[in-house]
Amino acid sequence: MPKEKEYMLQSRIKCLKGAKMHIEPGVVDGAKMVLSYATATTVLGATAKVAYDNMKENGIISLVLKSIIVAMIVFFCFEVLPHYPIGVSEVHLILGTTAFLVFGIAPTTIGLALGLLVQGLFFAPFDLPQYGINVTTLLASMFILNIAAKKVIPQGMAYKDISYKQLLKLSIVWEGAIVSWVAFWAIYGQGFGAENIHNVLTFGGAYMSVIIIEPLVDVAVLTAVKAYNKTNECAFLFDKKLCKA
């Protein structure tokens, strides 16, 4: 059986089981998996760096609690919210920009990695070999979002005061980065065959539709923050930039 057809068959079988993560089994395999170990090590190392910086500023208890909350949100998005296998992967609402704005870069990257790992260990063990690929996709995209936020959001502006237009830009960056990484892994693993490219484009087109939803969630969350926060000082469980520049 040709490699690409075998991969498509594996994908269909996995859909019947209830697919959970981002890259389907078989998209990248064999010696090519070595790259995913290297990229995962890189993004997890970067996560350790921002976690250390956050811990020095806010303390370990704050970091741990916020990271656990984000992990619970991630797990809820993966397991409870609807997710649809399309093309080479799945369409999820991950609420990455929401978690980033509310909890900050360090808790969000830790929560993404932890939520993905817990899901794989207890609910989708057949996806664990792809953990390096999937954690790279999510964490690298989050670091790209962090860089974009510094350019989109003025230095003197609290996150709760940013506009819908700014939120939309952040969502485009976040979702676009995820789609780009998924496309990279699919082409790296399966090449430029017509069927594979079609699956990549199908997934990309469907996933970018999430941009319609995520900024609206962000607006609702930030509106609630402004309504109930009158002191410009964030609580222990939220990122300081959320309430005060």
C-alpha atoms as a PDB file:
ATOM      1  CA  MET A   1       0.000   0.000   0.000  1.00  0.00           C
ATOM      2  CA  PRO A   2       1.429   3.426  -0.948  1.00  0.00           C
ATOM      3  CA  LYS A   3       2.583   5.440   2.029  1.00  0.00           C
ATOM      4  CA  GLU A   4       0.123   8.310   1.513  1.00  0.00           C
ATOM      5  CA  LYS A   5      -2.874   5.960   1.140  1.00  0.00           C
ATOM      6  CA  GLU A   6      -1.774   4.087   4.272  1.00  0.00           C
ATOM      7  CA  TYR A   7      -1.628   7.413   6.153  1.00  0.00           C
ATOM      8  CA  MET A   8      -5.135   8.332   4.936  1.00  0.00           C
ATOM      9  CA  LEU A   9      -6.471   4.947   6.083  1.00  0.00           C
ATOM     10  CA  GLN A  10      -4.903   5.450   9.522  1.00  0.00           C
ATOM     11  CA  SER A  11      -6.486   8.897   9.696  1.00  0.00           C
ATOM     12  CA  ARG A  12      -9.944   7.541   8.899  1.00  0.00           C
ATOM     13  CA  ILE A  13      -9.591   4.818  11.530  1.00  0.00           C
ATOM     14  CA  LYS A  14      -8.514   7.408  14.083  1.00  0.00           C
ATOM     15  CA  CYS A  15     -11.485   9.614  13.256  1.00  0.00           C
ATOM     16  CA  LEU A  16     -13.776   6.702  14.075  1.00  0.00           C
ATOM     17  CA  LYS A  17     -12.048   6.349  17.439  1.00  0.00           C
ATOM     18  CA  GLY A  18     -12.377  10.064  18.137  1.00  0.00           C
ATOM     19  CA  ALA A  19      -9.291  12.026  17.182  1.00  0.00           C
ATOM     20  CA  LYS A  20      -7.843  14.245  19.862  1.00  0.00           C
ATOM     21  CA  MET A  21      -4.699  16.144  18.952  1.00  0.00           C
ATOM     22  CA  HIS A  22      -3.426  18.114  15.983  1.00  0.00           C
ATOM     23  CA  ILE A  23      -1.278  16.005  13.682  1.00  0.00           C
ATOM     24  CA  GLU A  24      -2.663  12.605  12.781  1.00  0.00           C
ATOM     25  CA  PRO A  25      -0.524   9.459  13.295  1.00  0.00           C
ATOM     26  CA  GLY A  26       1.425   8.577  10.190  1.00  0.00           C
ATOM     27  CA  VAL A  27       1.864  12.099   8.847  1.00  0.00           C
ATOM     28  CA  VAL A  28       5.453  12.120  10.135  1.00  0.00           C
ATOM     29  CA  ASP A  29       7.148   8.828  10.971  1.00  0.00           C
ATOM     30  CA  GLY A  30      10.434   6.959  10.983  1.00  0.00           C
ATOM     31  CA  ALA A  31      13.676   8.924  11.054  1.00  0.00           C
ATOM     32  CA  LYS A  32      11.811  12.145  10.324  1.00  0.00           C
ATOM     33  CA  MET A  33      10.471  12.090  13.892  1.00  0.00           C
ATOM     34  CA  VAL A  34      13.951  13.137  15.099  1.00  0.00           C
ATOM     35  CA  LEU A  35      13.212  16.711  14.024  1.00  0.00           C
ATOM     36  CA  SER A  36      10.126  16.808  16.261  1.00  0.00           C
ATOM     37  CA  TYR A  37      12.256  15.814  19.263  1.00  0.00           C
ATOM     38  CA  ALA A  38      14.668  18.670  18.512  1.00  0.00           C
ATOM     39  CA  THR A  39      11.929  21.284  18.035  1.00  0.00           C
ATOM     40  CA  ALA A  40      10.072  20.103  21.136  1.00  0.00           C
ATOM     41  CA  THR A  41      13.263  20.394  23.188  1.00  0.00           C
ATOM     42  CA  THR A  42      13.726  23.935  21.894  1.00  0.00           C
ATOM     43  CA  VAL A  43      10.222  25.188  22.699  1.00  0.00           C
ATOM     44  CA  LEU A  44      10.168  23.449  26.080  1.00  0.00           C
ATOM     45  CA  GLY A  45      13.531  25.050  26.865  1.00  0.00           C
ATOM     46  CA  ALA A  46      12.109  28.458  25.944  1.00  0.00           C
ATOM     47  CA  THR A  47       9.128  27.694  28.177  1.00  0.00           C
ATOM     48  CA  ALA A  48      11.456  26.911  31.072  1.00  0.00           C
ATOM     49  CA  LYS A  49      13.148  30.286  30.542  1.00  0.00           C
ATOM     50  CA  VAL A  50       9.932  32.348  30.615  1.00  0.00           C
ATOM     51  CA  ALA A  51       8.688  30.245  33.537  1.00  0.00           C
ATOM     52  CA  TYR A  52      11.827  31.056  35.515  1.00  0.00           C
ATOM     53  CA  ASP A  53      11.443  34.762  34.780  1.00  0.00           C
ATOM     54  CA  ASN A  54       7.777  34.666  35.760  1.00  0.00           C
ATOM     55  CA  MET A  55       8.548  32.800  38.971  1.00  0.00           C
ATOM     56  CA  LYS A  56      11.109  35.428  40.005  1.00  0.00           C
ATOM     57  CA  GLU A  57       8.544  38.179  39.469  1.00  0.00           C
ATOM     58  CA  ASN A  58       5.360  36.576  40.785  1.00  0.00           C
ATOM     59  CA  GLY A  59       6.417  33.575  42.873  1.00  0.00           C
ATOM     60  CA  ILE A  60       6.140  29.855  42.252  1.00  0.00           C
ATOM     61  CA  ILE A  61       2.641  29.451  43.732  1.00  0.00           C
ATOM     62  CA  SER A  62       1.147  31.994  41.348  1.00  0.00           C
ATOM     63  CA  LEU A  63       2.878  30.377  38.371  1.00  0.00           C
ATOM     64  CA  VAL A  64       1.775  26.870  39.326  1.00  0.00           C
ATOM     65  CA  LEU A  65      -1.861  27.826  39.920  1.00  0.00           C
ATOM     66  CA  LYS A  66      -2.157  29.808  36.691  1.00  0.00           C
ATOM     67  CA  SER A  67      -0.495  26.997  34.726  1.00  0.00           C
ATOM     68  CA  ILE A  68      -2.944  24.449  36.146  1.00  0.00           C
ATOM     69  CA  ILE A  69      -5.900  26.659  35.221  1.00  0.00           C
ATOM     70  CA  VAL A  70      -4.627  26.986  31.647  1.00  0.00           C
ATOM     71  CA  ALA A  71      -4.040  23.214  31.464  1.00  0.00           C
ATOM     72  CA  MET A  72      -7.658  22.666  32.512  1.00  0.00           C
ATOM     73  CA  ILE A  73      -8.851  25.104  29.843  1.00  0.00           C
ATOM     74  CA  VAL A  74      -6.737  23.362  27.205  1.00  0.00           C
ATOM     75  CA  PHE A  75      -8.008  19.949  28.253  1.00  0.00           C
ATOM     76  CA  PHE A  76     -11.602  21.232  28.127  1.00  0.00           C
ATOM     77  CA  CYS A  77     -11.053  22.611  24.629  1.00  0.00           C
ATOM     78  CA  PHE A  78      -9.535  19.358  23.376  1.00  0.00           C
ATOM     79  CA  GLU A  79     -11.867  16.888  25.060  1.00  0.00           C
ATOM     80  CA  VAL A  80     -15.197  18.627  25.628  1.00  0.00           C
ATOM     81  CA  LEU A  81     -15.648  21.263  22.931  1.00  0.00           C
ATOM     82  CA  PRO A  82     -16.509  20.028  19.422  1.00  0.00           C
ATOM     83  CA  HIS A  83     -13.487  19.167  17.297  1.00  0.00           C
ATOM     84  CA  TYR A  84     -13.675  18.107  13.676  1.00  0.00           C
ATOM     85  CA  PRO A  85     -11.098  15.997  11.787  1.00  0.00           C
ATOM     86  CA  ILE A  86     -10.436  17.840   8.524  1.00  0.00           C
ATOM     87  CA  GLY A  87      -7.571  17.158   6.133  1.00  0.00           C
ATOM     88  CA  VAL A  88      -4.300  16.417   7.917  1.00  0.00           C
ATOM     89  CA  SER A  89      -5.457  17.457  11.390  1.00  0.00           C
ATOM     90  CA  GLU A  90      -8.397  18.736  13.426  1.00  0.00           C
ATOM     91  CA  VAL A  91     -10.174  22.030  13.886  1.00  0.00           C
ATOM     92  CA  HIS A  92     -10.151  23.074  17.575  1.00  0.00           C
ATOM     93  CA  LEU A  93     -11.092  26.195  19.458  1.00  0.00           C
ATOM     94  CA  ILE A  94      -8.092  26.335  21.797  1.00  0.00           C
ATOM     95  CA  LEU A  95      -8.624  29.864  23.218  1.00  0.00           C
ATOM     96  CA  GLY A  96      -4.898  30.537  23.002  1.00  0.00           C
ATOM     97  CA  THR A  97      -5.187  34.313  22.751  1.00  0.00           C
ATOM     98  CA  THR A  98      -7.639  34.357  25.656  1.00  0.00           C
ATOM     99  CA  ALA A  99      -5.302  32.378  27.919  1.00  0.00           C
ATOM    100  CA  PHE A 100      -2.332  34.513  26.851  1.00  0.00           C
ATOM    101  CA  LEU A 101      -4.067  37.804  27.639  1.00  0.00           C
ATOM    102  CA  VAL A 102      -5.498  36.637  30.961  1.00  0.00           C
ATOM    103  CA  PHE A 103      -2.655  34.536  32.375  1.00  0.00           C
ATOM    104  CA  GLY A 104       0.504  35.545  30.485  1.00  0.00           C
ATOM    105  CA  ILE A 105       3.044  33.779  28.305  1.00  0.00           C
ATOM    106  CA  ALA A 106       4.658  31.499  30.917  1.00  0.00           C
ATOM    107  CA  PRO A 107       1.502  29.943  32.453  1.00  0.00           C
ATOM    108  CA  THR A 108      -0.029  29.604  28.984  1.00  0.00           C
ATOM    109  CA  THR A 109       2.893  27.735  27.447  1.00  0.00           C
ATOM    110  CA  ILE A 110       3.164  25.474  30.500  1.00  0.00           C
ATOM    111  CA  GLY A 111      -0.593  24.879  30.462  1.00  0.00           C
ATOM    112  CA  LEU A 112      -0.597  24.037  26.759  1.00  0.00           C
ATOM    113  CA  ALA A 113       2.199  21.497  27.179  1.00  0.00           C
ATOM    114  CA  LEU A 114       0.661  20.005  30.327  1.00  0.00           C
ATOM    115  CA  GLY A 115      -2.896  19.830  28.980  1.00  0.00           C
ATOM    116  CA  LEU A 116      -1.672  18.145  25.809  1.00  0.00           C
ATOM    117  CA  LEU A 117       0.380  15.636  27.818  1.00  0.00           C
ATOM    118  CA  VAL A 118      -2.442  14.747  30.228  1.00  0.00           C
ATOM    119  CA  GLN A 119      -4.808  14.175  27.333  1.00  0.00           C
ATOM    120  CA  GLY A 120      -2.318  11.937  25.593  1.00  0.00           C
ATOM    121  CA  LEU A 121      -1.488   9.919  28.699  1.00  0.00           C
ATOM    122  CA  PHE A 122      -5.045   9.250  29.832  1.00  0.00           C
ATOM    123  CA  PHE A 123      -7.337   9.665  26.827  1.00  0.00           C
ATOM    124  CA  ALA A 124      -5.362   9.341  23.586  1.00  0.00           C
ATOM    125  CA  PRO A 125      -2.219   7.203  24.123  1.00  0.00           C
ATOM    126  CA  PHE A 126      -2.113   6.439  20.392  1.00  0.00           C
ATOM    127  CA  ASP A 127      -1.252  10.126  19.898  1.00  0.00           C
ATOM    128  CA  LEU A 128       1.696  10.245  22.295  1.00  0.00           C
ATOM    129  CA  PRO A 129       4.305   9.564  19.559  1.00  0.00           C
ATOM    130  CA  GLN A 130       3.190  12.845  17.984  1.00  0.00           C
ATOM    131  CA  TYR A 131       3.581  14.793  21.240  1.00  0.00           C
ATOM    132  CA  GLY A 132       6.816  16.455  20.084  1.00  0.00           C
ATOM    133  CA  ILE A 133       5.133  17.622  16.880  1.00  0.00           C
ATOM    134  CA  ASN A 134       1.995  18.876  18.590  1.00  0.00           C
ATOM    135  CA  VAL A 135       3.726  20.596  21.494  1.00  0.00           C
ATOM    136  CA  THR A 136       6.024  22.339  19.013  1.00  0.00           C
ATOM    137  CA  THR A 137       3.028  23.529  16.995  1.00  0.00           C
ATOM    138  CA  LEU A 138       1.264  24.975  20.037  1.00  0.00           C
ATOM    139  CA  LEU A 139       4.204  26.435  21.957  1.00  0.00           C
ATOM    140  CA  ALA A 140       6.028  27.875  18.952  1.00  0.00           C
ATOM    141  CA  SER A 141       2.768  29.499  17.856  1.00  0.00           C
ATOM    142  CA  MET A 142       2.315  30.944  21.343  1.00  0.00           C
ATOM    143  CA  PHE A 143       5.807  32.455  21.324  1.00  0.00           C
ATOM    144  CA  ILE A 144       5.044  33.984  17.920  1.00  0.00           C
ATOM    145  CA  LEU A 145       1.861  35.422  19.436  1.00  0.00           C
ATOM    146  CA  ASN A 146       3.897  36.858  22.306  1.00  0.00           C
ATOM    147  CA  ILE A 147       6.192  38.640  19.851  1.00  0.00           C
ATOM    148  CA  ALA A 148       3.221  39.942  17.857  1.00  0.00           C
ATOM    149  CA  ALA A 149       1.501  41.234  21.012  1.00  0.00           C
ATOM    150  CA  LYS A 150       4.482  43.476  21.750  1.00  0.00           C
ATOM    151  CA  LYS A 151       4.035  45.071  18.322  1.00  0.00           C
ATOM    152  CA  VAL A 152       0.219  45.177  18.219  1.00  0.00           C
ATOM    153  CA  ILE A 153      -0.411  46.375  21.793  1.00  0.00           C
ATOM    154  CA  PRO A 154       1.177  49.719  22.760  1.00  0.00           C
ATOM    155  CA  GLN A 155       3.518  49.514  25.738  1.00  0.00           C
ATOM    156  CA  GLY A 156       1.362  51.827  27.832  1.00  0.00           C
ATOM    157  CA  MET A 157      -1.886  49.902  27.320  1.00  0.00           C
ATOM    158  CA  ALA A 158      -3.328  47.246  29.635  1.00  0.00           C
ATOM    159  CA  TYR A 159      -4.645  44.160  27.895  1.00  0.00           C
ATOM    160  CA  LYS A 160      -8.188  44.820  29.142  1.00  0.00           C
ATOM    161  CA  ASP A 161      -8.250  48.052  27.124  1.00  0.00           C
ATOM    162  CA  ILE A 162      -7.206  46.710  23.728  1.00  0.00           C
ATOM    163  CA  SER A 163      -9.616  47.044  20.800  1.00  0.00           C
ATOM    164  CA  TYR A 164     -11.433  44.421  18.762  1.00  0.00           C
ATOM    165  CA  LYS A 165      -9.152  45.224  15.819  1.00  0.00           C
ATOM    166  CA  GLN A 166      -6.103  44.450  17.949  1.00  0.00           C
ATOM    167  CA  LEU A 167      -7.705  41.231  19.186  1.00  0.00           C
ATOM    168  CA  LEU A 168      -8.438  40.208  15.606  1.00  0.00           C
ATOM    169  CA  LYS A 169      -4.798  40.774  14.642  1.00  0.00           C
ATOM    170  CA  LEU A 170      -3.655  38.605  17.547  1.00  0.00           C
ATOM    171  CA  SER A 171      -6.081  35.838  16.580  1.00  0.00           C
ATOM    172  CA  ILE A 172      -4.891  35.930  12.976  1.00  0.00           C
ATOM    173  CA  VAL A 173      -1.302  35.565  14.162  1.00  0.00           C
ATOM    174  CA  TRP A 174      -2.153  32.719  16.573  1.00  0.00           C
ATOM    175  CA  GLU A 175      -4.342  30.702  14.195  1.00  0.00           C
ATOM    176  CA  GLY A 176      -2.075  31.469  11.235  1.00  0.00           C
ATOM    177  CA  ALA A 177       0.970  30.208  13.118  1.00  0.00           C
ATOM    178  CA  ILE A 178      -0.802  26.954  14.006  1.00  0.00           C
ATOM    179  CA  VAL A 179      -1.904  26.405  10.403  1.00  0.00           C
ATOM    180  CA  SER A 180       1.629  27.151   9.179  1.00  0.00           C
ATOM    181  CA  TRP A 181       3.183  24.647  11.566  1.00  0.00           C
ATOM    182  CA  VAL A 182       0.651  21.948  10.687  1.00  0.00           C
ATOM    183  CA  ALA A 183       1.305  22.575   6.986  1.00  0.00           C
ATOM    184  CA  PHE A 184       5.055  22.323   7.608  1.00  0.00           C
ATOM    185  CA  TRP A 185       4.751  18.980   9.406  1.00  0.00           C
ATOM    186  CA  ALA A 186       2.401  17.557   6.780  1.00  0.00           C
ATOM    187  CA  ILE A 187       4.623  18.545   3.852  1.00  0.00           C
ATOM    188  CA  TYR A 188       7.777  17.517   5.737  1.00  0.00           C
ATOM    189  CA  GLY A 189       6.265  14.100   6.418  1.00  0.00           C
ATOM    190  CA  GLN A 190       4.299  13.418   3.248  1.00  0.00           C
ATOM    191  CA  GLY A 191       5.783  15.649   0.574  1.00  0.00           C
ATOM    192  CA  PHE A 192       4.133  17.752  -2.123  1.00  0.00           C
ATOM    193  CA  GLY A 193       1.724  15.153  -3.474  1.00  0.00           C
ATOM    194  CA  ALA A 194      -1.566  16.504  -4.794  1.00  0.00           C
ATOM    195  CA  GLU A 195      -3.676  14.700  -2.202  1.00  0.00           C
ATOM    196  CA  ASN A 196      -1.492  15.856   0.692  1.00  0.00           C
ATOM    197  CA  ILE A 197      -1.514  19.485  -0.484  1.00  0.00           C
ATOM    198  CA  HIS A 198      -5.295  19.309  -0.877  1.00  0.00           C
ATOM    199  CA  ASN A 199      -5.614  18.010   2.693  1.00  0.00           C
ATOM    200  CA  VAL A 200      -3.335  20.774   3.991  1.00  0.00           C
ATOM    201  CA  LEU A 201      -5.319  23.486   2.213  1.00  0.00           C
ATOM    202  CA  THR A 202      -8.613  22.001   3.372  1.00  0.00           C
ATOM    203  CA  PHE A 203      -7.450  21.995   6.968  1.00  0.00           C
ATOM    204  CA  GLY A 204      -6.005  25.509   6.711  1.00  0.00           C
ATOM    205  CA  GLY A 205      -9.174  26.968   5.262  1.00  0.00           C
ATOM    206  CA  ALA A 206     -11.362  25.323   7.897  1.00  0.00           C
ATOM    207  CA  TYR A 207      -9.080  26.217  10.809  1.00  0.00           C
ATOM    208  CA  MET A 208      -8.881  29.904   9.946  1.00  0.00           C
ATOM    209  CA  SER A 209     -12.657  30.040  10.465  1.00  0.00           C
ATOM    210  CA  VAL A 210     -11.888  29.923  14.195  1.00  0.00           C
ATOM    211  CA  ILE A 211     -10.756  33.546  13.795  1.00  0.00           C
ATOM    212  CA  ILE A 212     -14.437  34.469  13.690  1.00  0.00           C
ATOM    213  CA  ILE A 213     -15.048  33.030  17.164  1.00  0.00           C
ATOM    214  CA  GLU A 214     -11.924  33.621  19.237  1.00  0.00           C
ATOM    215  CA  PRO A 215     -11.865  37.463  19.172  1.00  0.00           C
ATOM    216  CA  LEU A 216     -15.490  37.459  20.336  1.00  0.00           C
ATOM    217  CA  VAL A 217     -14.534  35.290  23.304  1.00  0.00           C
ATOM    218  CA  ASP A 218     -11.652  37.651  24.036  1.00  0.00           C
ATOM    219  CA  VAL A 219     -13.954  40.672  23.898  1.00  0.00           C
ATOM    220  CA  ALA A 220     -16.371  39.016  26.337  1.00  0.00           C
ATOM    221  CA  VAL A 221     -13.594  38.113  28.782  1.00  0.00           C
ATOM    222  CA  LEU A 222     -11.905  41.530  28.653  1.00  0.00           C
ATOM    223  CA  THR A 223     -15.251  43.298  28.997  1.00  0.00           C
ATOM    224  CA  ALA A 224     -15.911  41.285  32.159  1.00  0.00           C
ATOM    225  CA  VAL A 225     -12.475  42.239  33.489  1.00  0.00           C
ATOM    226  CA  LYS A 226     -13.164  45.940  32.919  1.00  0.00           C
ATOM    227  CA  ALA A 227     -16.622  45.692  34.466  1.00  0.00           C
ATOM    228  CA  TYR A 228     -15.468  44.048  37.679  1.00  0.00           C
ATOM    229  CA  ASN A 229     -11.991  45.527  38.048  1.00  0.00           C
ATOM    230  CA  LYS A 230     -11.906  49.088  39.318  1.00  0.00           C
ATOM    231  CA  THR A 231      -8.452  49.224  40.914  1.00  0.00           C
ATOM    232  CA  ASN A 232      -6.227  48.507  37.884  1.00  0.00           C
ATOM    233  CA  GLU A 233      -4.512  45.826  39.983  1.00  0.00           C
ATOM    234  CA  CYS A 234      -5.004  42.234  38.887  1.00  0.00           C
ATOM    235  CA  ALA A 235      -5.725  39.439  41.290  1.00  0.00           C
ATOM    236  CA  PHE A 236      -3.141  36.815  42.207  1.00  0.00           C
ATOM    237  CA  LEU A 237      -4.333  34.432  39.482  1.00  0.00           C
ATOM    238  CA  PHE A 238      -4.108  36.828  36.530  1.00  0.00           C
ATOM    239  CA  ASP A 239      -1.284  38.378  34.558  1.00  0.00           C
ATOM    240  CA  LYS A 240      -0.400  41.883  35.739  1.00  0.00           C
ATOM    241  CA  LYS A 241      -0.516  43.266  32.199  1.00  0.00           C
ATOM    242  CA  LEU A 242      -4.184  42.329  31.965  1.00  0.00           C
ATOM    243  CA  CYS A 243      -5.188  45.127  34.318  1.00  0.00           C
ATOM    244  CA  LYS A 244      -2.289  47.569  34.362  1.00  0.00           C
ATOM    245  CA  ALA A 245       0.211  48.593  31.713  1.00  0.00           C
END
